[in-house]
Structures are given as C-alpha cells and as structure tokens.
Amino acid sequence: MNTKQKCKFLYALVIFTAAYAQGLCQDQAARINYTKFTVSAVAKKAVIDWATDNKIPTNYFEIQRSADGVNFRTVAMVLGPDPTQTNCNCFEYFDKLVKSNKKYFYRLKHVGTDGAVVVSETKLLAINK
C-alpha cells in the first residue's frame, strides 16, 4: 500500500470511528416520542396511524407486520408525514388484510437521520368475523 492509499484508509477509519462513537454517546432520552400510535380495521384494510412530537429528525419509518407477534417483516416504508394534515407530524399507512389471518401484529421501526433505529411497541389488530 502506498502513502496515498494509507492516508485514504486512515481518513476513512477516523470518520467511521467518530460516527460510531457519536452513536454510542447519544443520550437515550433522544429516542423518538410517539404522541399517537393506533391500528384499526376499515373495509378490509388495516389503518396504521401515528404521530410524533417532531423533536427527533426522521429519515423514514418501516411498518412491520407479524402473524405471531414474534417474527416481523417490513411491509412498507413511509418517508414523510401526511401532507393533508397541517400543523401535525402525522403519518398513515393502509395495509391490505389477508383473509386467512384473524390476528395481525404491527410495529413501527423509526430510522433517524443519524442511522439510529428505534422499534415501537407492538399493536394487535384482532378481526372478529
């Protein structure tokens, strides 16, 4: 490795180390704060509504679904708040309900602009037919 390559490697290492250390030193109080998180059934769809206090910068949210409450998979990504709701950091997603299931578990995965990931509480949607 020549000197130029060594310098590039060391520079990348310093940047990575600084970013990693910043993530370790972040205050746990800086977690996303949900002011609302509801899941309801409307016309064969699950309506997932949530709002935040907008104090933590958001890169995106992942909506995750599970049939058993343990094994979740991402069913959608939401990049920004609902533009129809003014003065609110409100989000919404509609998920088509699968007829074979009567229970659906949902949770939100918040990914901040710094790459920090926070998973919300789990909400159960039980369909009584």
N, C-alpha and C. Protein backbone atom coordinates (compact mmCIF):
# COMPACT_ATOMS: atom_id res chain seq x y z
N MET A 1 0.85 -1.17 0.00
CA MET A 1 0.00 0.00 0.00
C MET A 1 0.90 1.23 0.00
N ASN A 2 0.63 2.15 -0.94
CA ASN A 2 1.44 3.36 -1.00
C ASN A 2 0.93 4.39 0.01
N THR A 3 1.64 5.49 0.13
CA THR A 3 1.32 6.51 1.13
C THR A 3 -0.06 7.11 0.91
N LYS A 4 -0.43 7.35 -0.34
CA LYS A 4 -1.73 7.93 -0.63
C LYS A 4 -2.86 7.00 -0.21
N GLN A 5 -2.69 5.70 -0.46
CA GLN A 5 -3.70 4.73 -0.06
C GLN A 5 -3.80 4.62 1.46
N LYS A 6 -2.64 4.69 2.13
CA LYS A 6 -2.63 4.64 3.60
C LYS A 6 -3.38 5.83 4.18
N CYS A 7 -3.17 7.01 3.60
CA CYS A 7 -3.85 8.22 4.09
C CYS A 7 -5.35 8.10 3.90
N LYS A 8 -5.79 7.60 2.74
CA LYS A 8 -7.22 7.43 2.50
C LYS A 8 -7.82 6.44 3.49
N PHE A 9 -7.10 5.35 3.75
CA PHE A 9 -7.58 4.35 4.70
C PHE A 9 -7.70 4.94 6.10
N LEU A 10 -6.67 5.66 6.54
CA LEU A 10 -6.70 6.26 7.88
C LEU A 10 -7.81 7.30 8.00
N TYR A 11 -8.00 8.09 6.95
CA TYR A 11 -9.07 9.08 6.95
C TYR A 11 -10.44 8.40 7.10
N ALA A 12 -10.67 7.34 6.33
CA ALA A 12 -11.93 6.60 6.41
C ALA A 12 -12.10 5.99 7.80
N LEU A 13 -11.03 5.48 8.36
CA LEU A 13 -11.07 4.88 9.70
C LEU A 13 -11.44 5.93 10.75
N VAL A 14 -10.87 7.11 10.66
CA VAL A 14 -11.17 8.18 11.60
C VAL A 14 -12.64 8.59 11.50
N ILE A 15 -13.14 8.75 10.26
CA ILE A 15 -14.54 9.14 10.07
C ILE A 15 -15.47 8.07 10.64
N PHE A 16 -15.20 6.79 10.35
CA PHE A 16 -16.01 5.69 10.87
C PHE A 16 -15.99 5.67 12.39
N THR A 17 -14.83 5.82 12.98
CA THR A 17 -14.69 5.77 14.44
C THR A 17 -15.46 6.92 15.08
N ALA A 18 -15.38 8.11 14.51
CA ALA A 18 -16.10 9.26 15.05
C ALA A 18 -17.61 9.04 14.97
N ALA A 19 -18.08 8.52 13.85
CA ALA A 19 -19.51 8.27 13.69
C ALA A 19 -19.98 7.20 14.68
N TYR A 20 -19.19 6.16 14.86
CA TYR A 20 -19.53 5.08 15.79
C TYR A 20 -19.56 5.60 17.22
N ALA A 21 -18.58 6.40 17.59
CA ALA A 21 -18.51 6.94 18.94
C ALA A 21 -19.68 7.88 19.21
N GLN A 22 -20.08 8.66 18.21
CA GLN A 22 -21.22 9.55 18.37
C GLN A 22 -22.48 8.74 18.66
N GLY A 23 -22.66 7.64 17.98
CA GLY A 23 -23.81 6.77 18.21
C GLY A 23 -23.81 6.18 19.61
N LEU A 24 -22.63 5.82 20.11
CA LEU A 24 -22.53 5.25 21.45
C LEU A 24 -22.81 6.28 22.54
N CYS A 25 -22.47 7.52 22.26
CA CYS A 25 -22.58 8.56 23.27
C CYS A 25 -23.91 9.28 23.26
N GLN A 26 -24.80 8.94 22.37
CA GLN A 26 -26.08 9.62 22.32
C GLN A 26 -26.89 9.31 23.56
N ASP A 27 -27.59 10.31 24.04
CA ASP A 27 -28.43 10.18 25.21
C ASP A 27 -29.66 9.35 24.87
N GLN A 28 -30.02 8.41 25.71
CA GLN A 28 -31.19 7.57 25.48
C GLN A 28 -32.47 8.40 25.50
N ALA A 29 -32.43 9.60 26.09
CA ALA A 29 -33.61 10.45 26.10
C ALA A 29 -33.92 10.99 24.71
N ALA A 30 -33.01 10.83 23.76
CA ALA A 30 -33.19 11.33 22.41
C ALA A 30 -33.98 10.34 21.54
N ARG A 31 -34.67 9.41 22.15
CA ARG A 31 -35.48 8.45 21.40
C ARG A 31 -36.72 9.14 20.84
N ILE A 32 -37.25 8.59 19.77
CA ILE A 32 -38.45 9.13 19.14
C ILE A 32 -39.61 9.06 20.13
N ASN A 33 -40.44 10.08 20.15
CA ASN A 33 -41.59 10.10 21.05
C ASN A 33 -42.87 10.07 20.22
N TYR A 34 -43.61 8.96 20.33
CA TYR A 34 -44.89 8.84 19.63
C TYR A 34 -45.97 9.51 20.47
N THR A 35 -46.68 10.44 19.88
CA THR A 35 -47.80 11.06 20.57
C THR A 35 -49.10 10.32 20.27
N LYS A 36 -49.07 9.49 19.21
CA LYS A 36 -50.22 8.67 18.84
C LYS A 36 -49.71 7.47 18.05
N PHE A 37 -50.28 6.29 18.31
CA PHE A 37 -50.00 5.09 17.52
C PHE A 37 -51.20 4.17 17.65
N THR A 38 -52.00 4.09 16.57
CA THR A 38 -53.19 3.26 16.58
C THR A 38 -53.23 2.38 15.34
N VAL A 39 -53.89 1.24 15.50
CA VAL A 39 -54.13 0.32 14.39
C VAL A 39 -55.61 -0.06 14.45
N SER A 40 -56.30 0.11 13.32
CA SER A 40 -57.73 -0.22 13.28
C SER A 40 -58.07 -0.83 11.93
N ALA A 41 -59.21 -1.53 11.87
CA ALA A 41 -59.66 -2.16 10.64
C ALA A 41 -60.78 -1.33 10.03
N VAL A 42 -60.63 -1.04 8.72
CA VAL A 42 -61.65 -0.30 7.99
C VAL A 42 -61.73 -0.90 6.59
N ALA A 43 -62.86 -1.48 6.24
CA ALA A 43 -63.13 -2.00 4.89
C ALA A 43 -62.00 -2.90 4.36
N LYS A 44 -61.73 -3.97 5.07
CA LYS A 44 -60.73 -4.97 4.68
C LYS A 44 -59.31 -4.42 4.58
N LYS A 45 -59.06 -3.34 5.33
CA LYS A 45 -57.72 -2.76 5.39
C LYS A 45 -57.39 -2.45 6.83
N ALA A 46 -56.11 -2.57 7.14
CA ALA A 46 -55.62 -2.11 8.44
C ALA A 46 -55.15 -0.68 8.24
N VAL A 47 -55.59 0.20 9.11
CA VAL A 47 -55.18 1.60 9.06
C VAL A 47 -54.21 1.82 10.21
N ILE A 48 -52.98 2.14 9.88
CA ILE A 48 -51.95 2.39 10.88
C ILE A 48 -51.72 3.89 10.90
N ASP A 49 -52.04 4.51 12.03
CA ASP A 49 -51.89 5.95 12.23
C ASP A 49 -50.90 6.20 13.34
N TRP A 50 -50.03 7.17 13.15
CA TRP A 50 -49.14 7.56 14.23
C TRP A 50 -48.71 9.00 14.05
N ALA A 51 -48.27 9.58 15.15
CA ALA A 51 -47.77 10.95 15.15
C ALA A 51 -46.60 11.01 16.12
N THR A 52 -45.69 11.94 15.86
CA THR A 52 -44.54 12.14 16.73
C THR A 52 -44.49 13.59 17.16
N ASP A 53 -43.66 13.86 18.16
CA ASP A 53 -43.51 15.24 18.63
C ASP A 53 -42.52 16.04 17.76
N ASN A 54 -41.95 15.39 16.73
CA ASN A 54 -41.09 16.05 15.74
C ASN A 54 -39.79 16.58 16.34
N LYS A 55 -39.35 16.08 17.49
CA LYS A 55 -38.12 16.56 18.10
C LYS A 55 -36.90 15.79 17.61
N ILE A 56 -37.11 14.59 17.06
CA ILE A 56 -36.02 13.77 16.56
C ILE A 56 -36.12 13.72 15.04
N PRO A 57 -35.07 14.10 14.31
CA PRO A 57 -35.12 14.06 12.84
C PRO A 57 -35.35 12.63 12.33
N THR A 58 -36.23 12.51 11.35
CA THR A 58 -36.61 11.21 10.82
C THR A 58 -36.10 11.04 9.40
N ASN A 59 -35.48 9.89 9.14
CA ASN A 59 -35.11 9.53 7.78
C ASN A 59 -36.31 8.82 7.13
N TYR A 60 -36.82 7.78 7.81
CA TYR A 60 -38.01 7.07 7.35
C TYR A 60 -38.53 6.16 8.45
N PHE A 61 -39.74 5.65 8.24
CA PHE A 61 -40.33 4.64 9.11
C PHE A 61 -40.54 3.37 8.29
N GLU A 62 -40.40 2.23 8.94
CA GLU A 62 -40.79 0.96 8.35
C GLU A 62 -42.01 0.47 9.12
N ILE A 63 -43.03 0.04 8.39
CA ILE A 63 -44.18 -0.60 9.01
C ILE A 63 -43.91 -2.09 8.96
N GLN A 64 -43.92 -2.73 10.12
CA GLN A 64 -43.64 -4.15 10.20
C GLN A 64 -44.87 -4.89 10.68
N ARG A 65 -45.12 -6.07 10.08
CA ARG A 65 -46.30 -6.89 10.39
C ARG A 65 -45.85 -8.29 10.77
N SER A 66 -46.65 -8.91 11.63
CA SER A 66 -46.38 -10.28 12.06
C SER A 66 -47.70 -11.01 12.27
N ALA A 67 -47.69 -12.30 12.03
CA ALA A 67 -48.87 -13.13 12.30
C ALA A 67 -48.81 -13.71 13.71
N ASP A 68 -47.61 -13.77 14.29
CA ASP A 68 -47.46 -14.39 15.61
C ASP A 68 -46.96 -13.43 16.69
N GLY A 69 -46.65 -12.20 16.35
CA GLY A 69 -46.15 -11.23 17.32
C GLY A 69 -44.68 -11.37 17.63
N VAL A 70 -44.00 -12.30 16.96
CA VAL A 70 -42.57 -12.53 17.19
C VAL A 70 -41.76 -12.28 15.92
N ASN A 71 -42.19 -12.88 14.84
CA ASN A 71 -41.45 -12.79 13.57
C ASN A 71 -42.07 -11.71 12.69
N PHE A 72 -41.42 -10.55 12.66
CA PHE A 72 -41.93 -9.41 11.90
C PHE A 72 -41.21 -9.29 10.58
N ARG A 73 -41.96 -8.75 9.59
CA ARG A 73 -41.34 -8.42 8.31
C ARG A 73 -41.84 -7.04 7.90
N THR A 74 -40.99 -6.32 7.20
CA THR A 74 -41.34 -4.98 6.75
C THR A 74 -42.30 -5.08 5.58
N VAL A 75 -43.43 -4.38 5.68
CA VAL A 75 -44.43 -4.40 4.60
C VAL A 75 -44.47 -3.07 3.86
N ALA A 76 -43.89 -2.02 4.43
CA ALA A 76 -43.88 -0.72 3.76
C ALA A 76 -42.88 0.21 4.42
N MET A 77 -42.50 1.23 3.66
CA MET A 77 -41.67 2.31 4.18
C MET A 77 -42.42 3.62 3.97
N VAL A 78 -42.40 4.47 4.98
CA VAL A 78 -43.04 5.78 4.89
C VAL A 78 -41.95 6.82 5.06
N LEU A 79 -41.84 7.70 4.06
CA LEU A 79 -40.74 8.65 4.02
C LEU A 79 -41.06 10.01 4.65
N GLY A 80 -42.33 10.35 4.75
CA GLY A 80 -42.65 11.66 5.31
C GLY A 80 -44.05 11.70 5.86
N PRO A 81 -44.36 12.78 6.57
CA PRO A 81 -45.69 12.91 7.17
C PRO A 81 -46.77 13.11 6.12
N ASP A 82 -48.01 12.91 6.54
CA ASP A 82 -49.19 13.07 5.68
C ASP A 82 -49.33 14.55 5.31
N PRO A 83 -49.22 14.89 4.02
CA PRO A 83 -49.28 16.30 3.63
C PRO A 83 -50.66 16.92 3.78
N THR A 84 -51.69 16.10 3.96
CA THR A 84 -53.05 16.64 4.10
C THR A 84 -53.33 17.11 5.52
N GLN A 85 -52.49 16.73 6.48
CA GLN A 85 -52.69 17.12 7.87
C GLN A 85 -51.69 18.21 8.24
N THR A 86 -52.17 19.42 8.34
CA THR A 86 -51.29 20.55 8.66
C THR A 86 -51.10 20.67 10.16
N ASN A 87 -50.01 21.29 10.54
CA ASN A 87 -49.66 21.50 11.96
C ASN A 87 -49.58 20.20 12.74
N CYS A 88 -49.17 19.14 12.07
CA CYS A 88 -49.11 17.83 12.72
C CYS A 88 -48.01 17.01 12.05
N ASN A 89 -47.21 16.35 12.83
CA ASN A 89 -46.22 15.42 12.30
C ASN A 89 -46.88 14.04 12.30
N CYS A 90 -47.91 13.90 11.45
CA CYS A 90 -48.78 12.72 11.43
C CYS A 90 -48.47 11.84 10.22
N PHE A 91 -48.60 10.54 10.43
CA PHE A 91 -48.31 9.55 9.40
C PHE A 91 -49.46 8.57 9.32
N GLU A 92 -49.60 7.93 8.14
CA GLU A 92 -50.68 6.96 7.97
C GLU A 92 -50.28 5.96 6.89
N TYR A 93 -50.71 4.72 7.09
CA TYR A 93 -50.47 3.68 6.10
C TYR A 93 -51.67 2.73 6.10
N PHE A 94 -52.05 2.25 4.91
CA PHE A 94 -53.13 1.28 4.77
C PHE A 94 -52.52 -0.05 4.33
N ASP A 95 -52.85 -1.11 5.07
CA ASP A 95 -52.34 -2.44 4.76
C ASP A 95 -53.51 -3.35 4.44
N LYS A 96 -53.44 -4.04 3.30
CA LYS A 96 -54.50 -4.97 2.92
C LYS A 96 -54.47 -6.18 3.86
N LEU A 97 -55.63 -6.51 4.40
CA LEU A 97 -55.72 -7.63 5.34
C LEU A 97 -55.82 -8.95 4.57
N VAL A 98 -55.07 -9.94 5.01
CA VAL A 98 -55.10 -11.28 4.42
C VAL A 98 -56.25 -12.03 5.08
N LYS A 99 -57.10 -12.63 4.29
CA LYS A 99 -58.32 -13.25 4.83
C LYS A 99 -58.05 -14.43 5.76
N SER A 100 -56.94 -15.13 5.59
CA SER A 100 -56.69 -16.32 6.39
C SER A 100 -56.28 -15.99 7.83
N ASN A 101 -55.83 -14.78 8.06
CA ASN A 101 -55.41 -14.39 9.41
C ASN A 101 -56.53 -13.64 10.11
N LYS A 102 -56.63 -13.86 11.42
CA LYS A 102 -57.58 -13.11 12.22
C LYS A 102 -56.87 -12.20 13.20
N LYS A 103 -55.56 -12.37 13.34
CA LYS A 103 -54.74 -11.52 14.21
C LYS A 103 -53.58 -10.97 13.40
N TYR A 104 -53.36 -9.69 13.58
CA TYR A 104 -52.24 -9.01 12.94
C TYR A 104 -51.52 -8.20 14.00
N PHE A 105 -50.22 -8.30 14.03
CA PHE A 105 -49.40 -7.52 14.94
C PHE A 105 -48.63 -6.51 14.10
N TYR A 106 -48.62 -5.27 14.56
CA TYR A 106 -47.90 -4.21 13.85
C TYR A 106 -46.96 -3.49 14.80
N ARG A 107 -45.85 -3.03 14.24
CA ARG A 107 -44.95 -2.16 14.97
C ARG A 107 -44.28 -1.23 13.97
N LEU A 108 -43.70 -0.16 14.49
CA LEU A 108 -43.02 0.82 13.66
C LEU A 108 -41.53 0.79 13.96
N LYS A 109 -40.76 0.90 12.92
CA LYS A 109 -39.31 0.97 13.07
C LYS A 109 -38.89 2.36 12.58
N HIS A 110 -38.45 3.19 13.51
CA HIS A 110 -38.01 4.55 13.18
C HIS A 110 -36.53 4.53 12.86
N VAL A 111 -36.15 5.10 11.73
CA VAL A 111 -34.75 5.24 11.37
C VAL A 111 -34.46 6.74 11.29
N GLY A 112 -33.61 7.21 12.19
CA GLY A 112 -33.28 8.63 12.24
C GLY A 112 -32.28 9.02 11.17
N THR A 113 -32.08 10.31 11.02
CA THR A 113 -31.13 10.80 10.02
C THR A 113 -29.70 10.42 10.37
N ASP A 114 -29.45 10.08 11.63
CA ASP A 114 -28.12 9.64 12.04
C ASP A 114 -27.96 8.12 11.95
N GLY A 115 -29.00 7.42 11.47
CA GLY A 115 -28.93 5.97 11.32
C GLY A 115 -29.41 5.21 12.54
N ALA A 116 -29.74 5.92 13.63
CA ALA A 116 -30.22 5.26 14.84
C ALA A 116 -31.58 4.63 14.58
N VAL A 117 -31.78 3.42 15.10
CA VAL A 117 -33.02 2.67 14.89
C VAL A 117 -33.73 2.47 16.22
N VAL A 118 -35.03 2.77 16.23
CA VAL A 118 -35.85 2.56 17.42
C VAL A 118 -37.13 1.85 16.97
N VAL A 119 -37.45 0.75 17.63
CA VAL A 119 -38.65 -0.02 17.32
C VAL A 119 -39.72 0.32 18.35
N SER A 120 -40.94 0.56 17.87
CA SER A 120 -42.04 0.95 18.75
C SER A 120 -42.60 -0.26 19.51
N GLU A 121 -43.58 0.03 20.32
CA GLU A 121 -44.34 -1.05 20.95
C GLU A 121 -45.12 -1.78 19.87
N THR A 122 -45.60 -2.96 20.19
CA THR A 122 -46.38 -3.76 19.24
C THR A 122 -47.86 -3.56 19.49
N LYS A 123 -48.62 -3.41 18.39
CA LYS A 123 -50.07 -3.25 18.49
C LYS A 123 -50.72 -4.47 17.83
N LEU A 124 -51.78 -4.96 18.46
CA LEU A 124 -52.52 -6.11 17.96
C LEU A 124 -53.82 -5.64 17.31
N LEU A 125 -54.10 -6.17 16.13
CA LEU A 125 -55.37 -5.95 15.45
C LEU A 125 -56.04 -7.31 15.32
N ALA A 126 -57.12 -7.52 16.08
CA ALA A 126 -57.85 -8.79 16.04
C ALA A 126 -59.13 -8.58 15.26
N ILE A 127 -59.34 -9.42 14.23
CA ILE A 127 -60.52 -9.32 13.38
C ILE A 127 -61.53 -10.36 13.84
N ASN A 128 -62.70 -9.92 14.23
CA ASN A 128 -63.78 -10.82 14.63
C ASN A 128 -64.75 -10.95 13.50
N LYS A 129 -64.83 -12.15 12.91
CA LYS A 129 -65.75 -12.37 11.78
C LYS A 129 -66.92 -13.18 12.22
